[in-house]
Amino acid sequence: MNQEVDKKIKELEKLESEIISLGKEMHKGETFPIDLLANSVLDRSLKLIFGFTALIRNENYIAACHLVRCHLDNILRFSAAWLVENPHTFATEIIKGKQMDKIKDREGNYLRDWYLRNKMNEEFPWIENVYKETSGFIHLSDKHFFAATKLIDGKENIIELSISKKDITINDNLRIEAINGMIEITKILFSYIEGWICTKQNKET
């Protein structure tokens, strides 16, 4: 990996301090069900970020990209709190183990993954593409074929196959793209947490 990849990894890891700071700010004063759900989201995000960077450093891009999808799932599902009639009731139901796709938003739509993805994509047009691309790492797909296959001679149809715990065909541009995805997803999470903190601190308004 080149220095640019290492620089990007450190940029992502620096977001830890902001995650911790937002958590502390959020927990000032009274605690609401949304605080408990948001705390879980922040905790999961931090673990996913550092699991991701460990895998990237270990040249395991295929496993790392699973975590991009999980990180995206984190904010998609948390965003549902802004779509329902009563966010605190919603948070309580999730904490008690109710499946999210059995809950409806204020317009009567079930909170299915594709619906949450489409709603967020209205504000962040890159979400749908990242969702689809990273889903390809969750399920066996062409991405796994190309990660283990290198074209040697197109005319003679000669390929090189690999079985390895480290990347063979992945280049640094792909790693940087994945890291940037994690950074942008984290920034969206921050916007939701900051919005909740603002609401909480100005609840009378």
N, C-alpha and C. Protein backbone atom coordinates (compact mmCIF):
# COMPACT_ATOMS: atom_id res chain seq x y z
N MET A 1 0.84 -1.20 0.00
CA MET A 1 0.00 0.00 0.00
C MET A 1 0.87 1.25 0.00
N ASN A 2 0.40 2.29 -0.70
CA ASN A 2 1.19 3.51 -0.75
C ASN A 2 0.86 4.45 0.41
N GLN A 3 1.57 5.57 0.47
CA GLN A 3 1.41 6.52 1.58
C GLN A 3 0.03 7.17 1.58
N GLU A 4 -0.56 7.32 0.40
CA GLU A 4 -1.88 7.93 0.31
C GLU A 4 -2.93 7.07 1.00
N VAL A 5 -2.80 5.76 0.88
CA VAL A 5 -3.72 4.84 1.56
C VAL A 5 -3.56 4.98 3.07
N ASP A 6 -2.33 4.99 3.53
CA ASP A 6 -2.06 5.13 4.96
C ASP A 6 -2.59 6.47 5.49
N LYS A 7 -2.44 7.51 4.71
CA LYS A 7 -2.94 8.84 5.09
C LYS A 7 -4.45 8.83 5.22
N LYS A 8 -5.13 8.16 4.29
CA LYS A 8 -6.58 8.07 4.32
C LYS A 8 -7.07 7.24 5.51
N ILE A 9 -6.35 6.16 5.81
CA ILE A 9 -6.70 5.33 6.96
C ILE A 9 -6.65 6.16 8.24
N LYS A 10 -5.60 6.95 8.40
CA LYS A 10 -5.44 7.78 9.59
C LYS A 10 -6.53 8.86 9.66
N GLU A 11 -6.93 9.37 8.49
CA GLU A 11 -8.02 10.36 8.44
C GLU A 11 -9.32 9.75 8.96
N LEU A 12 -9.58 8.51 8.57
CA LEU A 12 -10.78 7.82 9.04
C LEU A 12 -10.69 7.54 10.54
N GLU A 13 -9.54 7.08 10.99
CA GLU A 13 -9.39 6.73 12.41
C GLU A 13 -9.47 7.96 13.32
N LYS A 14 -9.12 9.12 12.79
CA LYS A 14 -9.21 10.35 13.59
C LYS A 14 -10.64 10.71 13.95
N LEU A 15 -11.60 10.14 13.23
CA LEU A 15 -13.00 10.42 13.52
C LEU A 15 -13.44 9.81 14.85
N GLU A 16 -12.59 8.95 15.42
CA GLU A 16 -12.90 8.37 16.72
C GLU A 16 -13.16 9.45 17.77
N SER A 17 -12.32 10.48 17.78
CA SER A 17 -12.46 11.53 18.80
C SER A 17 -13.79 12.25 18.67
N GLU A 18 -14.25 12.44 17.44
CA GLU A 18 -15.53 13.12 17.24
C GLU A 18 -16.70 12.22 17.65
N ILE A 19 -16.57 10.92 17.40
CA ILE A 19 -17.60 9.98 17.83
C ILE A 19 -17.74 10.01 19.35
N ILE A 20 -16.61 9.98 20.04
CA ILE A 20 -16.62 10.00 21.51
C ILE A 20 -17.18 11.33 22.02
N SER A 21 -16.76 12.43 21.42
CA SER A 21 -17.23 13.76 21.85
C SER A 21 -18.75 13.91 21.66
N LEU A 22 -19.25 13.45 20.52
CA LEU A 22 -20.69 13.53 20.28
C LEU A 22 -21.45 12.67 21.27
N GLY A 23 -20.91 11.50 21.59
CA GLY A 23 -21.55 10.63 22.58
C GLY A 23 -21.64 11.30 23.94
N LYS A 24 -20.56 11.94 24.36
CA LYS A 24 -20.55 12.62 25.65
C LYS A 24 -21.53 13.79 25.67
N GLU A 25 -21.56 14.55 24.58
CA GLU A 25 -22.47 15.69 24.50
C GLU A 25 -23.92 15.22 24.51
N MET A 26 -24.19 14.14 23.83
CA MET A 26 -25.55 13.60 23.74
C MET A 26 -26.06 13.14 25.10
N HIS A 27 -25.17 12.62 25.92
CA HIS A 27 -25.60 12.06 27.20
C HIS A 27 -25.70 13.08 28.33
N LYS A 28 -25.53 14.34 28.00
CA LYS A 28 -25.73 15.38 29.01
C LYS A 28 -27.22 15.54 29.28
N GLY A 29 -27.59 15.61 30.54
CA GLY A 29 -29.00 15.82 30.87
C GLY A 29 -29.81 14.54 30.85
N GLU A 30 -31.11 14.68 30.60
CA GLU A 30 -32.03 13.56 30.63
C GLU A 30 -31.73 12.55 29.51
N THR A 31 -31.98 11.28 29.82
CA THR A 31 -31.76 10.23 28.82
C THR A 31 -33.10 9.76 28.25
N PHE A 32 -33.17 9.73 26.92
CA PHE A 32 -34.37 9.30 26.20
C PHE A 32 -34.07 8.00 25.44
N PRO A 33 -35.12 7.29 25.01
CA PRO A 33 -34.88 6.07 24.23
C PRO A 33 -34.00 6.28 23.00
N ILE A 34 -34.13 7.43 22.35
CA ILE A 34 -33.28 7.70 21.18
C ILE A 34 -31.81 7.76 21.58
N ASP A 35 -31.54 8.26 22.79
CA ASP A 35 -30.15 8.29 23.26
C ASP A 35 -29.57 6.89 23.33
N LEU A 36 -30.37 5.95 23.82
CA LEU A 36 -29.91 4.57 23.96
C LEU A 36 -29.65 3.94 22.60
N LEU A 37 -30.56 4.20 21.64
CA LEU A 37 -30.36 3.67 20.30
C LEU A 37 -29.16 4.33 19.62
N ALA A 38 -29.05 5.65 19.77
CA ALA A 38 -27.94 6.38 19.16
C ALA A 38 -26.60 5.93 19.74
N ASN A 39 -26.58 5.62 21.03
CA ASN A 39 -25.35 5.15 21.66
C ASN A 39 -24.91 3.84 21.03
N SER A 40 -25.88 2.96 20.75
CA SER A 40 -25.57 1.68 20.10
C SER A 40 -25.02 1.90 18.70
N VAL A 41 -25.59 2.87 18.00
CA VAL A 41 -25.15 3.18 16.64
C VAL A 41 -23.72 3.72 16.65
N LEU A 42 -23.42 4.61 17.58
CA LEU A 42 -22.07 5.17 17.69
C LEU A 42 -21.06 4.09 18.05
N ASP A 43 -21.44 3.24 18.99
CA ASP A 43 -20.56 2.16 19.43
C ASP A 43 -20.27 1.19 18.28
N ARG A 44 -21.33 0.82 17.56
CA ARG A 44 -21.15 -0.09 16.43
C ARG A 44 -20.28 0.55 15.35
N SER A 45 -20.50 1.83 15.11
CA SER A 45 -19.73 2.55 14.09
C SER A 45 -18.24 2.54 14.40
N LEU A 46 -17.91 2.81 15.65
CA LEU A 46 -16.50 2.85 16.03
C LEU A 46 -15.85 1.49 15.86
N LYS A 47 -16.56 0.45 16.24
CA LYS A 47 -16.02 -0.90 16.09
C LYS A 47 -15.86 -1.26 14.61
N LEU A 48 -16.83 -0.89 13.79
CA LEU A 48 -16.75 -1.17 12.36
C LEU A 48 -15.60 -0.42 11.70
N ILE A 49 -15.41 0.84 12.08
CA ILE A 49 -14.33 1.64 11.51
C ILE A 49 -12.97 1.01 11.78
N PHE A 50 -12.74 0.61 13.03
CA PHE A 50 -11.43 0.07 13.36
C PHE A 50 -11.26 -1.37 12.89
N GLY A 51 -12.36 -2.11 12.75
CA GLY A 51 -12.28 -3.42 12.12
C GLY A 51 -11.92 -3.27 10.65
N PHE A 52 -12.52 -2.28 10.01
CA PHE A 52 -12.26 -1.99 8.60
C PHE A 52 -10.81 -1.59 8.37
N THR A 53 -10.30 -0.66 9.17
CA THR A 53 -8.92 -0.20 8.95
C THR A 53 -7.91 -1.31 9.23
N ALA A 54 -8.22 -2.18 10.20
CA ALA A 54 -7.32 -3.31 10.48
C ALA A 54 -7.25 -4.25 9.27
N LEU A 55 -8.40 -4.48 8.63
CA LEU A 55 -8.44 -5.36 7.46
C LEU A 55 -7.74 -4.72 6.26
N ILE A 56 -7.93 -3.43 6.07
CA ILE A 56 -7.27 -2.74 4.96
C ILE A 56 -5.75 -2.79 5.15
N ARG A 57 -5.29 -2.52 6.36
CA ARG A 57 -3.85 -2.58 6.64
C ARG A 57 -3.30 -3.99 6.41
N ASN A 58 -4.15 -4.97 6.65
CA ASN A 58 -3.72 -6.37 6.49
C ASN A 58 -3.95 -6.86 5.06
N GLU A 59 -4.27 -5.91 4.15
CA GLU A 59 -4.48 -6.21 2.73
C GLU A 59 -5.56 -7.26 2.52
N ASN A 60 -6.69 -7.07 3.23
CA ASN A 60 -7.84 -7.95 3.10
C ASN A 60 -9.04 -7.11 2.68
N TYR A 61 -8.99 -6.63 1.47
CA TYR A 61 -10.01 -5.72 0.92
C TYR A 61 -11.40 -6.36 0.87
N ILE A 62 -11.46 -7.63 0.49
CA ILE A 62 -12.74 -8.33 0.35
C ILE A 62 -13.50 -8.36 1.69
N ALA A 63 -12.81 -8.68 2.77
CA ALA A 63 -13.46 -8.70 4.08
C ALA A 63 -13.77 -7.29 4.56
N ALA A 64 -12.88 -6.34 4.25
CA ALA A 64 -13.08 -4.95 4.68
C ALA A 64 -14.35 -4.36 4.08
N CYS A 65 -14.62 -4.68 2.82
CA CYS A 65 -15.79 -4.10 2.14
C CYS A 65 -17.10 -4.60 2.71
N HIS A 66 -17.10 -5.77 3.36
CA HIS A 66 -18.30 -6.20 4.08
C HIS A 66 -18.68 -5.15 5.12
N LEU A 67 -17.67 -4.57 5.75
CA LEU A 67 -17.91 -3.64 6.84
C LEU A 67 -18.40 -2.28 6.34
N VAL A 68 -18.07 -1.93 5.10
CA VAL A 68 -18.63 -0.71 4.51
C VAL A 68 -20.15 -0.86 4.43
N ARG A 69 -20.59 -2.04 4.01
CA ARG A 69 -22.03 -2.30 3.92
C ARG A 69 -22.68 -2.27 5.30
N CYS A 70 -22.03 -2.81 6.31
CA CYS A 70 -22.55 -2.78 7.68
C CYS A 70 -22.64 -1.35 8.20
N HIS A 71 -21.62 -0.56 7.88
CA HIS A 71 -21.59 0.84 8.33
C HIS A 71 -22.73 1.63 7.68
N LEU A 72 -22.98 1.34 6.41
CA LEU A 72 -24.09 1.98 5.71
C LEU A 72 -25.42 1.54 6.32
N ASP A 73 -25.53 0.26 6.65
CA ASP A 73 -26.73 -0.26 7.30
C ASP A 73 -27.01 0.48 8.60
N ASN A 74 -25.95 0.79 9.32
CA ASN A 74 -26.05 1.51 10.59
C ASN A 74 -26.81 2.83 10.43
N ILE A 75 -26.40 3.63 9.46
CA ILE A 75 -27.03 4.94 9.32
C ILE A 75 -28.40 4.85 8.64
N LEU A 76 -28.57 3.88 7.74
CA LEU A 76 -29.87 3.71 7.10
C LEU A 76 -30.94 3.40 8.13
N ARG A 77 -30.64 2.49 9.01
CA ARG A 77 -31.62 2.09 10.02
C ARG A 77 -31.81 3.16 11.09
N PHE A 78 -30.75 3.85 11.44
CA PHE A 78 -30.89 4.93 12.42
C PHE A 78 -31.72 6.08 11.84
N SER A 79 -31.59 6.29 10.54
CA SER A 79 -32.33 7.37 9.89
C SER A 79 -33.84 7.17 9.97
N ALA A 80 -34.26 5.93 10.19
CA ALA A 80 -35.69 5.63 10.29
C ALA A 80 -36.35 6.38 11.45
N ALA A 81 -35.56 6.73 12.46
CA ALA A 81 -36.10 7.47 13.61
C ALA A 81 -36.65 8.82 13.19
N TRP A 82 -36.17 9.35 12.07
CA TRP A 82 -36.63 10.65 11.56
C TRP A 82 -37.84 10.50 10.65
N LEU A 83 -38.23 9.27 10.36
CA LEU A 83 -39.33 9.01 9.44
C LEU A 83 -40.61 8.57 10.14
N VAL A 84 -40.48 8.13 11.38
CA VAL A 84 -41.64 7.59 12.10
C VAL A 84 -42.39 8.68 12.87
N GLU A 85 -43.59 8.32 13.29
CA GLU A 85 -44.43 9.27 14.02
C GLU A 85 -43.86 9.60 15.39
N ASN A 86 -43.40 8.56 16.10
CA ASN A 86 -42.86 8.75 17.45
C ASN A 86 -41.48 8.09 17.54
N PRO A 87 -40.40 8.88 17.43
CA PRO A 87 -39.04 8.34 17.45
C PRO A 87 -38.70 7.55 18.71
N HIS A 88 -39.21 7.98 19.86
CA HIS A 88 -38.87 7.29 21.11
C HIS A 88 -39.56 5.94 21.20
N THR A 89 -40.78 5.86 20.72
CA THR A 89 -41.48 4.57 20.65
C THR A 89 -40.75 3.64 19.69
N PHE A 90 -40.33 4.20 18.56
CA PHE A 90 -39.56 3.44 17.58
C PHE A 90 -38.29 2.87 18.20
N ALA A 91 -37.54 3.72 18.89
CA ALA A 91 -36.28 3.29 19.51
C ALA A 91 -36.53 2.20 20.53
N THR A 92 -37.60 2.35 21.31
CA THR A 92 -37.93 1.35 22.33
C THR A 92 -38.26 0.00 21.69
N GLU A 93 -38.99 0.03 20.59
CA GLU A 93 -39.35 -1.21 19.90
C GLU A 93 -38.12 -1.91 19.34
N ILE A 94 -37.20 -1.14 18.79
CA ILE A 94 -35.96 -1.73 18.25
C ILE A 94 -35.13 -2.33 19.37
N ILE A 95 -35.02 -1.61 20.48
CA ILE A 95 -34.24 -2.10 21.62
C ILE A 95 -34.83 -3.39 22.16
N LYS A 96 -36.16 -3.51 22.10
CA LYS A 96 -36.83 -4.72 22.58
C LYS A 96 -36.75 -5.87 21.58
N GLY A 97 -36.21 -5.60 20.38
CA GLY A 97 -35.98 -6.67 19.43
C GLY A 97 -36.97 -6.77 18.28
N LYS A 98 -37.84 -5.78 18.13
CA LYS A 98 -38.80 -5.84 17.02
C LYS A 98 -38.08 -5.62 15.70
N GLN A 99 -38.46 -6.40 14.69
CA GLN A 99 -37.85 -6.25 13.37
C GLN A 99 -38.26 -4.91 12.76
N MET A 100 -37.28 -4.21 12.20
CA MET A 100 -37.55 -2.89 11.67
C MET A 100 -38.52 -2.92 10.50
N ASP A 101 -38.43 -3.97 9.68
CA ASP A 101 -39.31 -4.02 8.51
C ASP A 101 -40.77 -4.35 8.87
N LYS A 102 -41.04 -4.50 10.17
CA LYS A 102 -42.42 -4.69 10.64
C LYS A 102 -42.99 -3.38 11.18
N ILE A 103 -42.18 -2.32 11.14
CA ILE A 103 -42.58 -1.01 11.64
C ILE A 103 -42.86 -0.09 10.45
N LYS A 104 -43.86 0.77 10.58
CA LYS A 104 -44.20 1.70 9.50
C LYS A 104 -43.75 3.11 9.83
N ASP A 105 -43.47 3.89 8.79
CA ASP A 105 -43.16 5.31 9.01
C ASP A 105 -44.47 6.10 9.09
N ARG A 106 -44.35 7.40 9.23
CA ARG A 106 -45.55 8.22 9.42
C ARG A 106 -46.47 8.24 8.19
N GLU A 107 -45.93 7.80 7.06
CA GLU A 107 -46.73 7.77 5.83
C GLU A 107 -47.30 6.38 5.55
N GLY A 108 -47.04 5.44 6.47
CA GLY A 108 -47.60 4.10 6.32
C GLY A 108 -46.73 3.12 5.56
N ASN A 109 -45.49 3.48 5.28
CA ASN A 109 -44.57 2.60 4.56
C ASN A 109 -43.74 1.77 5.53
N TYR A 110 -43.62 0.48 5.24
CA TYR A 110 -42.77 -0.36 6.08
C TYR A 110 -41.30 0.04 5.93
N LEU A 111 -40.59 -0.02 7.03
CA LEU A 111 -39.19 0.42 7.04
C LEU A 111 -38.26 -0.70 6.55
N ARG A 112 -38.40 -1.01 5.30
CA ARG A 112 -37.54 -2.02 4.68
C ARG A 112 -36.25 -1.35 4.22
N ASP A 113 -35.21 -2.16 4.06
CA ASP A 113 -33.89 -1.62 3.71
C ASP A 113 -33.93 -0.80 2.42
N TRP A 114 -34.58 -1.35 1.40
CA TRP A 114 -34.62 -0.65 0.11
C TRP A 114 -35.34 0.70 0.23
N TYR A 115 -36.35 0.74 1.10
CA TYR A 115 -37.10 1.98 1.29
C TYR A 115 -36.23 3.03 1.99
N LEU A 116 -35.52 2.60 3.03
CA LEU A 116 -34.63 3.51 3.75
C LEU A 116 -33.50 3.99 2.83
N ARG A 117 -33.02 3.08 2.01
CA ARG A 117 -31.96 3.45 1.04
C ARG A 117 -32.47 4.51 0.07
N ASN A 118 -33.65 4.32 -0.47
CA ASN A 118 -34.21 5.27 -1.42
C ASN A 118 -34.49 6.63 -0.79
N LYS A 119 -34.95 6.61 0.45
CA LYS A 119 -35.22 7.88 1.15
C LYS A 119 -33.93 8.65 1.38
N MET A 120 -32.89 7.98 1.82
CA MET A 120 -31.62 8.66 2.06
C MET A 120 -30.97 9.09 0.75
N ASN A 121 -31.19 8.32 -0.29
CA ASN A 121 -30.62 8.64 -1.59
C ASN A 121 -31.15 9.96 -2.14
N GLU A 122 -32.32 10.37 -1.68
CA GLU A 122 -32.89 11.65 -2.10
C GLU A 122 -32.00 12.82 -1.67
N GLU A 123 -31.38 12.67 -0.52
CA GLU A 123 -30.48 13.72 0.00
C GLU A 123 -29.03 13.47 -0.37
N PHE A 124 -28.64 12.20 -0.43
CA PHE A 124 -27.27 11.83 -0.75
C PHE A 124 -27.31 10.88 -1.95
N PRO A 125 -27.24 11.40 -3.17
CA PRO A 125 -27.45 10.61 -4.39
C PRO A 125 -26.45 9.47 -4.63
N TRP A 126 -25.40 9.42 -3.86
CA TRP A 126 -24.41 8.35 -4.04
C TRP A 126 -24.74 7.10 -3.21
N ILE A 127 -25.73 7.22 -2.33
CA ILE A 127 -26.06 6.13 -1.41
C ILE A 127 -26.47 4.86 -2.15
N GLU A 128 -27.34 4.99 -3.14
CA GLU A 128 -27.84 3.82 -3.84
C GLU A 128 -26.71 3.03 -4.49
N ASN A 129 -25.77 3.72 -5.11
CA ASN A 129 -24.66 3.04 -5.76
C ASN A 129 -23.77 2.31 -4.75
N VAL A 130 -23.47 2.98 -3.63
CA VAL A 130 -22.64 2.35 -2.60
C VAL A 130 -23.37 1.13 -2.01
N TYR A 131 -24.67 1.27 -1.82
CA TYR A 131 -25.48 0.17 -1.28
C TYR A 131 -25.38 -1.05 -2.20
N LYS A 132 -25.58 -0.83 -3.50
CA LYS A 132 -25.55 -1.93 -4.46
C LYS A 132 -24.16 -2.54 -4.59
N GLU A 133 -23.15 -1.67 -4.65
CA GLU A 133 -21.78 -2.17 -4.83
C GLU A 133 -21.32 -2.97 -3.61
N THR A 134 -21.60 -2.48 -2.43
CA THR A 134 -21.14 -3.17 -1.22
C THR A 134 -21.96 -4.42 -0.94
N SER A 135 -23.21 -4.45 -1.40
CA SER A 135 -24.01 -5.67 -1.24
C SER A 135 -23.38 -6.81 -2.02
N GLY A 136 -22.65 -6.48 -3.09
CA GLY A 136 -21.97 -7.50 -3.88
C GLY A 136 -20.87 -8.20 -3.12
N PHE A 137 -20.41 -7.59 -2.03
CA PHE A 137 -19.38 -8.23 -1.20
C PHE A 137 -20.00 -9.13 -0.14
N ILE A 138 -21.26 -8.87 0.19
CA ILE A 138 -21.96 -9.69 1.19
C ILE A 138 -22.32 -11.05 0.59
N HIS A 139 -22.85 -11.02 -0.64
CA HIS A 139 -23.25 -12.24 -1.32
C HIS A 139 -22.18 -12.62 -2.36
N LEU A 140 -21.99 -13.91 -2.56
CA LEU A 140 -21.02 -14.38 -3.53
C LEU A 140 -21.35 -13.80 -4.91
N SER A 141 -20.39 -13.13 -5.52
CA SER A 141 -20.65 -12.42 -6.77
C SER A 141 -19.39 -12.35 -7.63
N ASP A 142 -19.50 -11.59 -8.72
CA ASP A 142 -18.36 -11.40 -9.61
C ASP A 142 -17.19 -10.72 -8.92
N LYS A 143 -17.48 -9.94 -7.87
CA LYS A 143 -16.41 -9.24 -7.15
C LYS A 143 -15.41 -10.24 -6.56
N HIS A 144 -15.92 -11.36 -6.08
CA HIS A 144 -15.04 -12.36 -5.49
C HIS A 144 -14.26 -13.10 -6.57
N PHE A 145 -14.87 -13.27 -7.74
CA PHE A 145 -14.17 -13.90 -8.86
C PHE A 145 -12.97 -13.04 -9.29
N PHE A 146 -13.21 -11.75 -9.50
CA PHE A 146 -12.14 -10.88 -9.99
C PHE A 146 -11.06 -10.63 -8.93
N ALA A 147 -11.43 -10.75 -7.66
CA ALA A 147 -10.43 -10.57 -6.60
C ALA A 147 -9.47 -11.75 -6.53
N ALA A 148 -9.89 -12.90 -7.08
CA ALA A 148 -9.05 -14.10 -7.03
C ALA A 148 -8.53 -14.50 -8.40
N THR A 149 -8.74 -13.62 -9.40
CA THR A 149 -8.38 -13.98 -10.78
C THR A 149 -7.62 -12.84 -11.45
N LYS A 150 -6.55 -13.17 -12.12
CA LYS A 150 -5.75 -12.16 -12.84
C LYS A 150 -5.58 -12.61 -14.29
N LEU A 151 -5.92 -11.71 -15.23
CA LEU A 151 -5.78 -12.02 -16.65
C LEU A 151 -4.31 -11.92 -17.06
N ILE A 152 -3.79 -12.99 -17.61
CA ILE A 152 -2.39 -13.04 -18.05
C ILE A 152 -2.28 -12.77 -19.54
N ASP A 153 -3.14 -13.42 -20.31
CA ASP A 153 -3.12 -13.26 -21.77
C ASP A 153 -4.54 -13.37 -22.30
N GLY A 154 -5.09 -12.21 -22.76
CA GLY A 154 -6.46 -12.18 -23.25
C GLY A 154 -6.65 -12.97 -24.52
N LYS A 155 -5.66 -12.98 -25.39
CA LYS A 155 -5.77 -13.69 -26.67
C LYS A 155 -5.77 -15.20 -26.47
N GLU A 156 -4.95 -15.64 -25.55
CA GLU A 156 -4.83 -17.08 -25.30
C GLU A 156 -5.76 -17.54 -24.17
N ASN A 157 -6.51 -16.60 -23.60
CA ASN A 157 -7.41 -16.91 -22.48
C ASN A 157 -6.68 -17.58 -21.32
N ILE A 158 -5.55 -16.98 -20.98
CA ILE A 158 -4.76 -17.50 -19.86
C ILE A 158 -5.02 -16.63 -18.64
N ILE A 159 -5.42 -17.25 -17.55
CA ILE A 159 -5.66 -16.51 -16.31
C ILE A 159 -4.85 -17.13 -15.17
N GLU A 160 -4.62 -16.32 -14.17
CA GLU A 160 -3.92 -16.79 -12.97
C GLU A 160 -4.91 -16.77 -11.82
N LEU A 161 -5.07 -17.89 -11.14
CA LEU A 161 -5.99 -18.00 -10.02
C LEU A 161 -5.22 -17.98 -8.71
N SER A 162 -5.84 -17.43 -7.68
CA SER A 162 -5.17 -17.38 -6.38
C SER A 162 -6.13 -17.76 -5.26
N ILE A 163 -5.57 -18.33 -4.22
CA ILE A 163 -6.28 -18.55 -2.95
C ILE A 163 -5.35 -18.00 -1.89
N SER A 164 -5.71 -16.84 -1.35
CA SER A 164 -4.78 -16.13 -0.47
C SER A 164 -5.53 -15.35 0.60
N LYS A 165 -4.89 -15.18 1.75
CA LYS A 165 -5.51 -14.38 2.80
C LYS A 165 -5.23 -12.89 2.60
N LYS A 166 -4.38 -12.57 1.64
CA LYS A 166 -4.08 -11.17 1.33
C LYS A 166 -4.48 -10.84 -0.11
N ASP A 167 -4.67 -9.54 -0.36
CA ASP A 167 -5.06 -9.08 -1.70
C ASP A 167 -3.98 -9.42 -2.73
N ILE A 168 -4.44 -9.87 -3.88
CA ILE A 168 -3.55 -10.16 -4.99
C ILE A 168 -3.79 -9.18 -6.14
N THR A 169 -5.06 -8.95 -6.44
CA THR A 169 -5.40 -8.13 -7.62
C THR A 169 -5.95 -6.75 -7.25
N ILE A 170 -6.09 -6.44 -5.97
CA ILE A 170 -6.68 -5.17 -5.54
C ILE A 170 -5.63 -4.06 -5.57
N ASN A 171 -5.99 -2.92 -6.19
CA ASN A 171 -5.04 -1.81 -6.23
C ASN A 171 -5.40 -0.75 -5.18
N ASP A 172 -4.51 0.20 -4.99
CA ASP A 172 -4.68 1.21 -3.94
C ASP A 172 -5.85 2.15 -4.23
N ASN A 173 -6.17 2.35 -5.49
CA ASN A 173 -7.32 3.22 -5.81
C ASN A 173 -8.61 2.64 -5.25
N LEU A 174 -8.75 1.32 -5.31
CA LEU A 174 -9.94 0.67 -4.76
C LEU A 174 -9.97 0.80 -3.24
N ARG A 175 -8.81 0.68 -2.62
CA ARG A 175 -8.74 0.83 -1.16
C ARG A 175 -9.13 2.24 -0.74
N ILE A 176 -8.61 3.23 -1.45
CA ILE A 176 -8.91 4.63 -1.14
C ILE A 176 -10.40 4.91 -1.34
N GLU A 177 -10.98 4.35 -2.38
CA GLU A 177 -12.41 4.53 -2.64
C GLU A 177 -13.24 3.97 -1.48
N ALA A 178 -12.87 2.81 -0.98
CA ALA A 178 -13.58 2.19 0.14
C ALA A 178 -13.43 3.03 1.41
N ILE A 179 -12.22 3.54 1.65
CA ILE A 179 -11.98 4.37 2.84
C ILE A 179 -12.80 5.65 2.75
N ASN A 180 -12.82 6.27 1.58
CA ASN A 180 -13.63 7.48 1.40
C ASN A 180 -15.10 7.20 1.67
N GLY A 181 -15.56 6.02 1.27
CA GLY A 181 -16.95 5.64 1.55
C GLY A 181 -17.22 5.58 3.04
N MET A 182 -16.30 4.99 3.79
CA MET A 182 -16.45 4.93 5.25
C MET A 182 -16.47 6.32 5.87
N ILE A 183 -15.62 7.20 5.36
CA ILE A 183 -15.56 8.58 5.89
C ILE A 183 -16.87 9.30 5.64
N GLU A 184 -17.40 9.21 4.42
CA GLU A 184 -18.64 9.91 4.08
C GLU A 184 -19.84 9.36 4.85
N ILE A 185 -19.88 8.06 5.03
CA ILE A 185 -20.96 7.45 5.82
C ILE A 185 -20.90 7.94 7.25
N THR A 186 -19.69 8.05 7.80
CA THR A 186 -19.52 8.54 9.17
C THR A 186 -19.98 9.98 9.30
N LYS A 187 -19.71 10.79 8.28
CA LYS A 187 -20.14 12.19 8.31
C LYS A 187 -21.67 12.30 8.33
N ILE A 188 -22.35 11.40 7.61
CA ILE A 188 -23.81 11.41 7.64
C ILE A 188 -24.29 11.04 9.05
N LEU A 189 -23.64 10.05 9.65
CA LEU A 189 -23.99 9.69 11.03
C LEU A 189 -23.86 10.90 11.95
N PHE A 190 -22.76 11.65 11.79
CA PHE A 190 -22.55 12.83 12.62
C PHE A 190 -23.70 13.83 12.46
N SER A 191 -24.17 14.00 11.23
CA SER A 191 -25.24 14.97 10.99
C SER A 191 -26.52 14.56 11.72
N TYR A 192 -26.80 13.26 11.78
CA TYR A 192 -27.99 12.79 12.50
C TYR A 192 -27.82 12.97 14.01
N ILE A 193 -26.66 12.60 14.52
CA ILE A 193 -26.41 12.73 15.96
C ILE A 193 -26.44 14.20 16.38
N GLU A 194 -25.81 15.06 15.59
CA GLU A 194 -25.81 16.50 15.89
C GLU A 194 -27.23 17.06 15.84
N GLY A 195 -28.03 16.57 14.90
CA GLY A 195 -29.42 17.01 14.81
C GLY A 195 -30.21 16.61 16.04
N TRP A 196 -29.98 15.39 16.52
CA TRP A 196 -30.67 14.93 17.72
C TRP A 196 -30.22 15.72 18.95
N ILE A 197 -28.92 15.98 19.05
CA ILE A 197 -28.42 16.76 20.19
C ILE A 197 -29.05 18.15 20.19
N CYS A 198 -29.13 18.77 19.03
CA CYS A 198 -29.74 20.10 18.91
C CYS A 198 -31.21 20.06 19.32
N THR A 199 -31.92 19.03 18.88
CA THR A 199 -33.32 18.88 19.24
C THR A 199 -33.48 18.68 20.74
N LYS A 200 -32.63 17.86 21.30
CA LYS A 200 -32.69 17.55 22.72
C LYS A 200 -32.41 18.78 23.58
N GLN A 201 -31.43 19.57 23.15
CA GLN A 201 -31.05 20.75 23.92
C GLN A 201 -32.04 21.91 23.77
N ASN A 202 -32.86 21.82 22.72
CA ASN A 202 -33.86 22.88 22.48
C ASN A 202 -35.26 22.29 22.39
N LYS A 203 -35.55 21.32 23.27
CA LYS A 203 -36.80 20.59 23.17
C LYS A 203 -38.02 21.46 23.40
N GLU A 204 -37.87 22.55 24.17
CA GLU A 204 -39.01 23.43 24.39
C GLU A 204 -39.38 24.15 23.09
N THR A 205 -38.38 24.48 22.28
CA THR A 205 -38.63 25.13 21.00
C THR A 205 -39.19 24.14 19.98
